[in-house]
Amino acid sequence: MNLPLHLGWLGVLEATLIAFAVGVLCLLAWRWIALRAGWPQSRAIGWACVCAVAIAAGIDSWNLFYLGVVRLESPLYARIALAKMHDADSLGTRVFMEWCGALAGVVAGWVLARGRGPAPGE
């Protein structure tokens, strides 16, 4: 996410709440699409999970993957890579919490939407 978040745990919590909201919105959008297309509810939940994680945690997940895979052969390359990241000290925690927040948002959206109208595939 390219938002001006705080550093440390406060930034992690902000990113988690944003990911939660994205998860709820993705589930509601995919549920609407599934109702129109006649898909089962499981397909809407699955695509909502994929989209929520990609939207909410995509950039940070890529940065974490990049640090783990790319060989940073000199301190200069490491400094350049870390300078492009927001709060590199809390990157792993932020990625984990964004994934958890996005998936929890999908579950919360499913619980909220369960009582409103027929489920897809019914």
C-alpha atoms as a PDB file:
ATOM      1  CA  MET A   1       0.000   0.000   0.000  1.00  0.00           C
ATOM      2  CA  ASN A   2       1.346   3.398  -0.869  1.00  0.00           C
ATOM      3  CA  LEU A   3      -0.425   5.314   1.870  1.00  0.00           C
ATOM      4  CA  PRO A   4       1.383   7.548   4.362  1.00  0.00           C
ATOM      5  CA  LEU A   5       1.053   5.228   7.348  1.00  0.00           C
ATOM      6  CA  HIS A   6       2.749   5.550  10.699  1.00  0.00           C
ATOM      7  CA  LEU A   7       5.847   3.566  11.545  1.00  0.00           C
ATOM      8  CA  GLY A   8       5.997   0.534  13.830  1.00  0.00           C
ATOM      9  CA  TRP A   9       2.987  -1.113  15.420  1.00  0.00           C
ATOM     10  CA  LEU A  10       0.664   1.813  14.781  1.00  0.00           C
ATOM     11  CA  GLY A  11       1.365   1.543  11.054  1.00  0.00           C
ATOM     12  CA  VAL A  12       0.833  -2.218  11.206  1.00  0.00           C
ATOM     13  CA  LEU A  13      -2.555  -1.749  12.867  1.00  0.00           C
ATOM     14  CA  GLU A  14      -3.564   0.920  10.332  1.00  0.00           C
ATOM     15  CA  ALA A  15      -2.609  -1.372   7.446  1.00  0.00           C
ATOM     16  CA  THR A  16      -4.541  -4.230   9.059  1.00  0.00           C
ATOM     17  CA  LEU A  17      -7.706  -2.150   9.397  1.00  0.00           C
ATOM     18  CA  ILE A  18      -7.435  -1.012   5.785  1.00  0.00           C
ATOM     19  CA  ALA A  19      -6.967  -4.636   4.684  1.00  0.00           C
ATOM     20  CA  PHE A  20     -10.019  -5.635   6.738  1.00  0.00           C
ATOM     21  CA  ALA A  21     -12.153  -3.015   4.977  1.00  0.00           C
ATOM     22  CA  VAL A  22     -10.832  -4.144   1.585  1.00  0.00           C
ATOM     23  CA  GLY A  23     -11.747  -7.744   2.451  1.00  0.00           C
ATOM     24  CA  VAL A  24     -15.329  -6.794   3.329  1.00  0.00           C
ATOM     25  CA  LEU A  25     -15.733  -4.758   0.141  1.00  0.00           C
ATOM     26  CA  CYS A  26     -14.236  -7.504  -2.033  1.00  0.00           C
ATOM     27  CA  LEU A  27     -16.597 -10.099  -0.589  1.00  0.00           C
ATOM     28  CA  LEU A  28     -19.622  -7.895  -1.157  1.00  0.00           C
ATOM     29  CA  ALA A  29     -18.544  -7.183  -4.740  1.00  0.00           C
ATOM     30  CA  TRP A  30     -17.848 -10.831  -5.554  1.00  0.00           C
ATOM     31  CA  ARG A  31     -21.075 -11.926  -3.885  1.00  0.00           C
ATOM     32  CA  TRP A  32     -22.980  -9.528  -6.139  1.00  0.00           C
ATOM     33  CA  ILE A  33     -21.150 -10.886  -9.200  1.00  0.00           C
ATOM     34  CA  ALA A  34     -21.813 -14.488  -8.113  1.00  0.00           C
ATOM     35  CA  LEU A  35     -25.513 -13.810  -7.633  1.00  0.00           C
ATOM     36  CA  ARG A  36     -25.764 -12.409 -11.163  1.00  0.00           C
ATOM     37  CA  ALA A  37     -23.704 -15.210 -12.727  1.00  0.00           C
ATOM     38  CA  GLY A  38     -25.307 -18.064 -10.790  1.00  0.00           C
ATOM     39  CA  TRP A  39     -22.012 -19.144  -9.225  1.00  0.00           C
ATOM     40  CA  PRO A  40     -21.813 -21.033  -5.925  1.00  0.00           C
ATOM     41  CA  GLN A  41     -20.952 -19.087  -2.807  1.00  0.00           C
ATOM     42  CA  SER A  42     -17.580 -20.810  -2.480  1.00  0.00           C
ATOM     43  CA  ARG A  43     -16.394 -19.280  -5.744  1.00  0.00           C
ATOM     44  CA  ALA A  44     -17.314 -15.790  -4.562  1.00  0.00           C
ATOM     45  CA  ILE A  45     -15.490 -16.346  -1.260  1.00  0.00           C
ATOM     46  CA  GLY A  46     -12.396 -17.707  -2.997  1.00  0.00           C
ATOM     47  CA  TRP A  47     -12.129 -14.862  -5.483  1.00  0.00           C
ATOM     48  CA  ALA A  48     -12.796 -12.327  -2.739  1.00  0.00           C
ATOM     49  CA  CYS A  49      -9.892 -13.764  -0.721  1.00  0.00           C
ATOM     50  CA  VAL A  50      -7.531 -13.619  -3.690  1.00  0.00           C
ATOM     51  CA  CYS A  51      -8.531 -10.066  -4.620  1.00  0.00           C
ATOM     52  CA  ALA A  52      -8.474  -8.772  -1.047  1.00  0.00           C
ATOM     53  CA  VAL A  53      -4.963 -10.089  -0.417  1.00  0.00           C
ATOM     54  CA  ALA A  54      -3.715  -8.819  -3.781  1.00  0.00           C
ATOM     55  CA  ILE A  55      -5.165  -5.349  -3.245  1.00  0.00           C
ATOM     56  CA  ALA A  56      -4.427  -4.907   0.450  1.00  0.00           C
ATOM     57  CA  ALA A  57      -1.095  -6.693   0.833  1.00  0.00           C
ATOM     58  CA  GLY A  58       0.248  -6.858  -2.706  1.00  0.00           C
ATOM     59  CA  ILE A  59       2.992  -4.233  -2.587  1.00  0.00           C
ATOM     60  CA  ASP A  60       4.250  -5.184   0.854  1.00  0.00           C
ATOM     61  CA  SER A  61       4.160  -8.902  -0.010  1.00  0.00           C
ATOM     62  CA  TRP A  62       6.160  -8.208  -3.148  1.00  0.00           C
ATOM     63  CA  ASN A  63       8.726  -6.201  -1.172  1.00  0.00           C
ATOM     64  CA  LEU A  64       9.100  -9.032   1.335  1.00  0.00           C
ATOM     65  CA  PHE A  65       9.465 -11.570  -1.485  1.00  0.00           C
ATOM     66  CA  TYR A  66      11.989  -9.313  -3.226  1.00  0.00           C
ATOM     67  CA  LEU A  67      14.153  -9.033  -0.121  1.00  0.00           C
ATOM     68  CA  GLY A  68      14.121 -12.790   0.348  1.00  0.00           C
ATOM     69  CA  VAL A  69      14.874 -13.807  -3.226  1.00  0.00           C
ATOM     70  CA  VAL A  70      17.021 -11.145  -4.839  1.00  0.00           C
ATOM     71  CA  ARG A  71      20.679 -11.258  -3.967  1.00  0.00           C
ATOM     72  CA  LEU A  72      21.604  -7.896  -2.549  1.00  0.00           C
ATOM     73  CA  GLU A  73      25.299  -8.201  -3.339  1.00  0.00           C
ATOM     74  CA  SER A  74      26.500  -4.982  -1.794  1.00  0.00           C
ATOM     75  CA  PRO A  75      25.481  -2.640   0.996  1.00  0.00           C
ATOM     76  CA  LEU A  76      24.660  -0.025  -1.655  1.00  0.00           C
ATOM     77  CA  TYR A  77      22.064  -2.264  -3.338  1.00  0.00           C
ATOM     78  CA  ALA A  78      20.609  -3.178   0.048  1.00  0.00           C
ATOM     79  CA  ARG A  79      20.312   0.500   1.009  1.00  0.00           C
ATOM     80  CA  ILE A  80      18.645   1.333  -2.319  1.00  0.00           C
ATOM     81  CA  ALA A  81      16.137  -1.532  -1.934  1.00  0.00           C
ATOM     82  CA  LEU A  82      15.322  -0.608   1.666  1.00  0.00           C
ATOM     83  CA  ALA A  83      14.956   3.095   0.827  1.00  0.00           C
ATOM     84  CA  LYS A  84      12.104   2.272  -1.563  1.00  0.00           C
ATOM     85  CA  MET A  85      10.098   0.562   1.197  1.00  0.00           C
ATOM     86  CA  HIS A  86       7.943   2.183   3.817  1.00  0.00           C
ATOM     87  CA  ASP A  87       8.999   1.041   7.301  1.00  0.00           C
ATOM     88  CA  ALA A  88      11.244  -1.841   6.290  1.00  0.00           C
ATOM     89  CA  ASP A  89      11.770  -2.712   9.980  1.00  0.00           C
ATOM     90  CA  SER A  90       8.133  -3.848  10.360  1.00  0.00           C
ATOM     91  CA  LEU A  91       7.689  -5.290   6.870  1.00  0.00           C
ATOM     92  CA  GLY A  92       7.234  -8.936   7.874  1.00  0.00           C
ATOM     93  CA  THR A  93       4.791  -8.124  10.650  1.00  0.00           C
ATOM     94  CA  ARG A  94       2.844  -5.774   8.387  1.00  0.00           C
ATOM     95  CA  VAL A  95       2.558  -8.377   5.604  1.00  0.00           C
ATOM     96  CA  PHE A  96       1.347 -11.057   8.018  1.00  0.00           C
ATOM     97  CA  MET A  97      -1.204  -8.754   9.602  1.00  0.00           C
ATOM     98  CA  GLU A  98      -2.410  -7.457   6.211  1.00  0.00           C
ATOM     99  CA  TRP A  99      -3.038 -11.018   5.057  1.00  0.00           C
ATOM    100  CA  CYS A 100      -4.866 -11.807   8.304  1.00  0.00           C
ATOM    101  CA  GLY A 101      -6.873  -8.575   8.086  1.00  0.00           C
ATOM    102  CA  ALA A 102      -7.862  -9.157   4.454  1.00  0.00           C
ATOM    103  CA  LEU A 103      -9.001 -12.729   5.107  1.00  0.00           C
ATOM    104  CA  ALA A 104     -10.799 -11.731   8.309  1.00  0.00           C
ATOM    105  CA  GLY A 105     -12.547  -8.987   6.334  1.00  0.00           C
ATOM    106  CA  VAL A 106     -13.785 -11.550   3.817  1.00  0.00           C
ATOM    107  CA  VAL A 107     -15.120 -13.710   6.649  1.00  0.00           C
ATOM    108  CA  ALA A 108     -16.785 -10.706   8.299  1.00  0.00           C
ATOM    109  CA  GLY A 109     -18.325  -9.693   4.967  1.00  0.00           C
ATOM    110  CA  TRP A 110     -19.642 -13.217   4.508  1.00  0.00           C
ATOM    111  CA  VAL A 111     -21.202 -13.167   7.987  1.00  0.00           C
ATOM    112  CA  LEU A 112     -22.759  -9.756   7.289  1.00  0.00           C
ATOM    113  CA  ALA A 113     -24.052 -10.748   3.863  1.00  0.00           C
ATOM    114  CA  ARG A 114     -25.370 -14.130   4.979  1.00  0.00           C
ATOM    115  CA  GLY A 115     -28.493 -12.589   6.445  1.00  0.00           C
ATOM    116  CA  ARG A 116     -29.230 -10.399   3.398  1.00  0.00           C
ATOM    117  CA  GLY A 117     -30.929 -12.207   0.566  1.00  0.00           C
ATOM    118  CA  PRO A 118     -30.234 -15.589  -0.979  1.00  0.00           C
ATOM    119  CA  ALA A 119     -26.707 -16.898  -1.118  1.00  0.00           C
ATOM    120  CA  PRO A 120     -25.170 -17.490  -4.551  1.00  0.00           C
ATOM    121  CA  GLY A 121     -25.980 -20.916  -5.933  1.00  0.00           C
ATOM    122  CA  GLU A 122     -29.202 -21.319  -3.941  1.00  0.00           C
END
